[in-house]
Amino acid sequence: MIRYDPHAEFQLVRRRIEKGWIEAVLSAPDETEQQGSKLSLLACFPERGKMLRVVVRRDDPEYVITAYFDRRKPCA
């Protein structure tokens, strides 16, 4: 079961990111990046022309810390 940090909940509303998109990234990421105790999962969203980055806890990958469309990672 996916759980969201309060920060993530706030940012999803602010950034207009749907929870269904988060679920899609978590189930089938195009890329993954490890950053210390965090794991970033990325998937291309062609309609936005960017990768959606979902940051989760490495030890609990169903706990979403934040999510955003990464300006530095265009879809390939």
N, C-alpha and C. Protein backbone atom coordinates (compact mmCIF):
# COMPACT_ATOMS: atom_id res chain seq x y z
N MET A 1 0.85 -1.19 0.00
CA MET A 1 0.00 0.00 0.00
C MET A 1 0.89 1.24 0.00
N ILE A 2 0.64 2.12 -0.94
CA ILE A 2 1.43 3.34 -1.05
C ILE A 2 1.01 4.33 0.03
N ARG A 3 2.02 4.88 0.72
CA ARG A 3 1.78 5.90 1.74
C ARG A 3 2.52 7.17 1.32
N TYR A 4 1.97 8.30 1.70
CA TYR A 4 2.52 9.59 1.29
C TYR A 4 2.92 10.42 2.50
N ASP A 5 4.12 10.94 2.46
CA ASP A 5 4.57 11.91 3.44
C ASP A 5 3.68 13.15 3.32
N PRO A 6 3.42 13.86 4.41
CA PRO A 6 2.61 15.09 4.31
C PRO A 6 3.17 16.07 3.27
N HIS A 7 4.49 16.16 3.18
CA HIS A 7 5.11 17.02 2.17
C HIS A 7 4.71 16.57 0.77
N ALA A 8 4.72 15.27 0.53
CA ALA A 8 4.34 14.73 -0.78
C ALA A 8 2.88 15.06 -1.09
N GLU A 9 2.01 14.87 -0.13
CA GLU A 9 0.59 15.18 -0.33
C GLU A 9 0.41 16.63 -0.76
N PHE A 10 1.10 17.54 -0.07
CA PHE A 10 1.01 18.96 -0.39
C PHE A 10 1.52 19.24 -1.80
N GLN A 11 2.68 18.66 -2.13
CA GLN A 11 3.30 18.92 -3.43
C GLN A 11 2.50 18.33 -4.59
N LEU A 12 1.85 17.20 -4.38
CA LEU A 12 1.03 16.61 -5.45
C LEU A 12 -0.09 17.57 -5.85
N VAL A 13 -0.72 18.18 -4.86
CA VAL A 13 -1.79 19.14 -5.14
C VAL A 13 -1.19 20.38 -5.81
N ARG A 14 -0.14 20.91 -5.23
CA ARG A 14 0.49 22.13 -5.73
C ARG A 14 1.00 21.96 -7.17
N ARG A 15 1.56 20.78 -7.45
CA ARG A 15 2.16 20.53 -8.77
C ARG A 15 1.20 19.84 -9.75
N ARG A 16 -0.02 19.61 -9.30
CA ARG A 16 -1.05 18.96 -10.14
C ARG A 16 -0.59 17.60 -10.66
N ILE A 17 -0.10 16.79 -9.75
CA ILE A 17 0.34 15.44 -10.07
C ILE A 17 -0.70 14.47 -9.52
N GLU A 18 -1.18 13.59 -10.37
CA GLU A 18 -2.21 12.64 -9.96
C GLU A 18 -1.58 11.42 -9.29
N LYS A 19 -2.28 10.89 -8.29
CA LYS A 19 -1.77 9.71 -7.59
C LYS A 19 -1.66 8.50 -8.53
N GLY A 20 -2.52 8.44 -9.52
CA GLY A 20 -2.42 7.36 -10.50
C GLY A 20 -1.10 7.39 -11.25
N TRP A 21 -0.57 8.59 -11.49
CA TRP A 21 0.73 8.72 -12.15
C TRP A 21 1.83 8.20 -11.24
N ILE A 22 1.71 8.49 -9.94
CA ILE A 22 2.69 7.99 -8.97
C ILE A 22 2.70 6.47 -9.00
N GLU A 23 1.52 5.88 -8.96
CA GLU A 23 1.41 4.42 -8.98
C GLU A 23 2.03 3.84 -10.24
N ALA A 24 1.83 4.51 -11.38
CA ALA A 24 2.41 4.04 -12.64
C ALA A 24 3.94 4.07 -12.60
N VAL A 25 4.50 5.13 -12.04
CA VAL A 25 5.96 5.23 -11.93
C VAL A 25 6.50 4.16 -10.99
N LEU A 26 5.84 3.96 -9.85
CA LEU A 26 6.31 2.97 -8.89
C LEU A 26 6.25 1.55 -9.46
N SER A 27 5.26 1.27 -10.27
CA SER A 27 5.11 -0.09 -10.79
C SER A 27 5.99 -0.36 -12.01
N ALA A 28 6.34 0.68 -12.78
CA ALA A 28 7.14 0.46 -13.99
C ALA A 28 8.01 1.67 -14.30
N PRO A 29 9.05 1.92 -13.49
CA PRO A 29 9.92 3.07 -13.76
C PRO A 29 10.78 2.85 -15.00
N ASP A 30 11.07 3.94 -15.71
CA ASP A 30 11.99 3.89 -16.85
C ASP A 30 13.43 3.93 -16.37
N GLU A 31 13.66 4.61 -15.25
CA GLU A 31 15.00 4.75 -14.67
C GLU A 31 14.89 4.75 -13.15
N THR A 32 15.98 4.36 -12.50
CA THR A 32 16.07 4.49 -11.04
C THR A 32 17.42 5.09 -10.70
N GLU A 33 17.44 5.89 -9.64
CA GLU A 33 18.67 6.50 -9.14
C GLU A 33 18.67 6.38 -7.63
N GLN A 34 19.81 5.98 -7.08
CA GLN A 34 19.94 5.86 -5.63
C GLN A 34 20.67 7.09 -5.11
N GLN A 35 20.14 7.67 -4.02
CA GLN A 35 20.73 8.86 -3.41
C GLN A 35 20.72 8.68 -1.90
N GLY A 36 21.74 8.06 -1.37
CA GLY A 36 21.80 7.82 0.07
C GLY A 36 20.66 6.94 0.52
N SER A 37 19.84 7.44 1.43
CA SER A 37 18.72 6.65 1.97
C SER A 37 17.46 6.78 1.11
N LYS A 38 17.59 7.49 -0.02
CA LYS A 38 16.43 7.70 -0.89
C LYS A 38 16.64 7.03 -2.24
N LEU A 39 15.53 6.74 -2.89
CA LEU A 39 15.54 6.14 -4.22
C LEU A 39 14.63 6.98 -5.10
N SER A 40 15.13 7.38 -6.26
CA SER A 40 14.31 8.12 -7.22
C SER A 40 13.90 7.18 -8.34
N LEU A 41 12.62 7.16 -8.63
CA LEU A 41 12.09 6.38 -9.74
C LEU A 41 11.56 7.37 -10.75
N LEU A 42 11.92 7.19 -12.01
CA LEU A 42 11.53 8.14 -13.05
C LEU A 42 10.82 7.44 -14.19
N ALA A 43 9.84 8.13 -14.75
CA ALA A 43 9.14 7.63 -15.93
C ALA A 43 8.79 8.82 -16.82
N CYS A 44 8.84 8.58 -18.12
CA CYS A 44 8.55 9.62 -19.10
C CYS A 44 7.05 9.88 -19.20
N PHE A 45 6.70 11.15 -19.21
CA PHE A 45 5.32 11.57 -19.45
C PHE A 45 5.36 12.47 -20.68
N PRO A 46 5.16 11.89 -21.88
CA PRO A 46 5.31 12.65 -23.13
C PRO A 46 4.44 13.91 -23.20
N GLU A 47 3.26 13.86 -22.59
CA GLU A 47 2.39 15.04 -22.63
C GLU A 47 3.00 16.23 -21.91
N ARG A 48 3.90 15.97 -20.97
CA ARG A 48 4.61 17.04 -20.26
C ARG A 48 6.02 17.23 -20.83
N GLY A 49 6.51 16.26 -21.60
CA GLY A 49 7.85 16.35 -22.18
C GLY A 49 8.95 16.20 -21.15
N LYS A 50 8.60 15.68 -19.98
CA LYS A 50 9.57 15.55 -18.89
C LYS A 50 9.38 14.22 -18.19
N MET A 51 10.38 13.88 -17.40
CA MET A 51 10.30 12.69 -16.57
C MET A 51 9.64 13.08 -15.24
N LEU A 52 8.74 12.23 -14.78
CA LEU A 52 8.17 12.41 -13.45
C LEU A 52 9.08 11.66 -12.49
N ARG A 53 9.64 12.40 -11.54
CA ARG A 53 10.54 11.82 -10.53
C ARG A 53 9.74 11.60 -9.25
N VAL A 54 9.74 10.37 -8.77
CA VAL A 54 9.08 10.02 -7.52
C VAL A 54 10.18 9.58 -6.56
N VAL A 55 10.31 10.29 -5.45
CA VAL A 55 11.35 9.99 -4.47
C VAL A 55 10.72 9.21 -3.32
N VAL A 56 11.30 8.04 -3.04
CA VAL A 56 10.80 7.16 -1.98
C VAL A 56 11.93 6.82 -1.02
N ARG A 57 11.56 6.27 0.13
CA ARG A 57 12.57 5.79 1.07
C ARG A 57 13.14 4.48 0.54
N ARG A 58 14.44 4.36 0.56
CA ARG A 58 15.09 3.14 0.05
C ARG A 58 14.67 1.92 0.85
N ASP A 59 14.52 2.07 2.15
CA ASP A 59 14.15 0.94 3.01
C ASP A 59 12.64 0.69 3.04
N ASP A 60 11.86 1.57 2.40
CA ASP A 60 10.40 1.44 2.36
C ASP A 60 9.91 2.06 1.05
N PRO A 61 10.07 1.35 -0.08
CA PRO A 61 9.78 1.93 -1.39
C PRO A 61 8.32 2.27 -1.66
N GLU A 62 7.44 1.99 -0.73
CA GLU A 62 6.04 2.40 -0.90
C GLU A 62 5.72 3.66 -0.10
N TYR A 63 6.76 4.29 0.47
CA TYR A 63 6.59 5.55 1.20
C TYR A 63 7.12 6.67 0.32
N VAL A 64 6.21 7.47 -0.23
CA VAL A 64 6.57 8.54 -1.15
C VAL A 64 6.94 9.80 -0.36
N ILE A 65 8.15 10.30 -0.61
CA ILE A 65 8.64 11.50 0.06
C ILE A 65 8.21 12.75 -0.70
N THR A 66 8.38 12.71 -2.03
CA THR A 66 7.98 13.83 -2.88
C THR A 66 7.91 13.35 -4.32
N ALA A 67 7.39 14.20 -5.19
CA ALA A 67 7.33 13.90 -6.62
C ALA A 67 7.30 15.22 -7.38
N TYR A 68 7.95 15.22 -8.54
CA TYR A 68 7.95 16.42 -9.37
C TYR A 68 8.38 16.07 -10.79
N PHE A 69 7.99 16.92 -11.74
CA PHE A 69 8.46 16.78 -13.10
C PHE A 69 9.84 17.42 -13.17
N ASP A 70 10.82 16.60 -13.53
CA ASP A 70 12.22 17.01 -13.49
C ASP A 70 12.59 17.77 -14.77
N ARG A 71 12.84 19.07 -14.64
CA ARG A 71 13.21 19.91 -15.78
C ARG A 71 14.53 19.49 -16.40
N ARG A 72 15.40 18.88 -15.59
CA ARG A 72 16.72 18.48 -16.08
C ARG A 72 16.71 17.15 -16.81
N LYS A 73 15.57 16.44 -16.78
CA LYS A 73 15.48 15.11 -17.39
C LYS A 73 14.37 15.08 -18.44
N PRO A 74 14.64 15.55 -19.65
CA PRO A 74 13.60 15.45 -20.69
C PRO A 74 13.39 13.99 -21.09
N CYS A 75 12.23 13.70 -21.60
CA CYS A 75 11.96 12.35 -22.10
C CYS A 75 12.87 12.08 -23.30
N ALA A 76 13.39 10.87 -23.35
CA ALA A 76 14.31 10.52 -24.45
C ALA A 76 13.56 10.26 -25.73
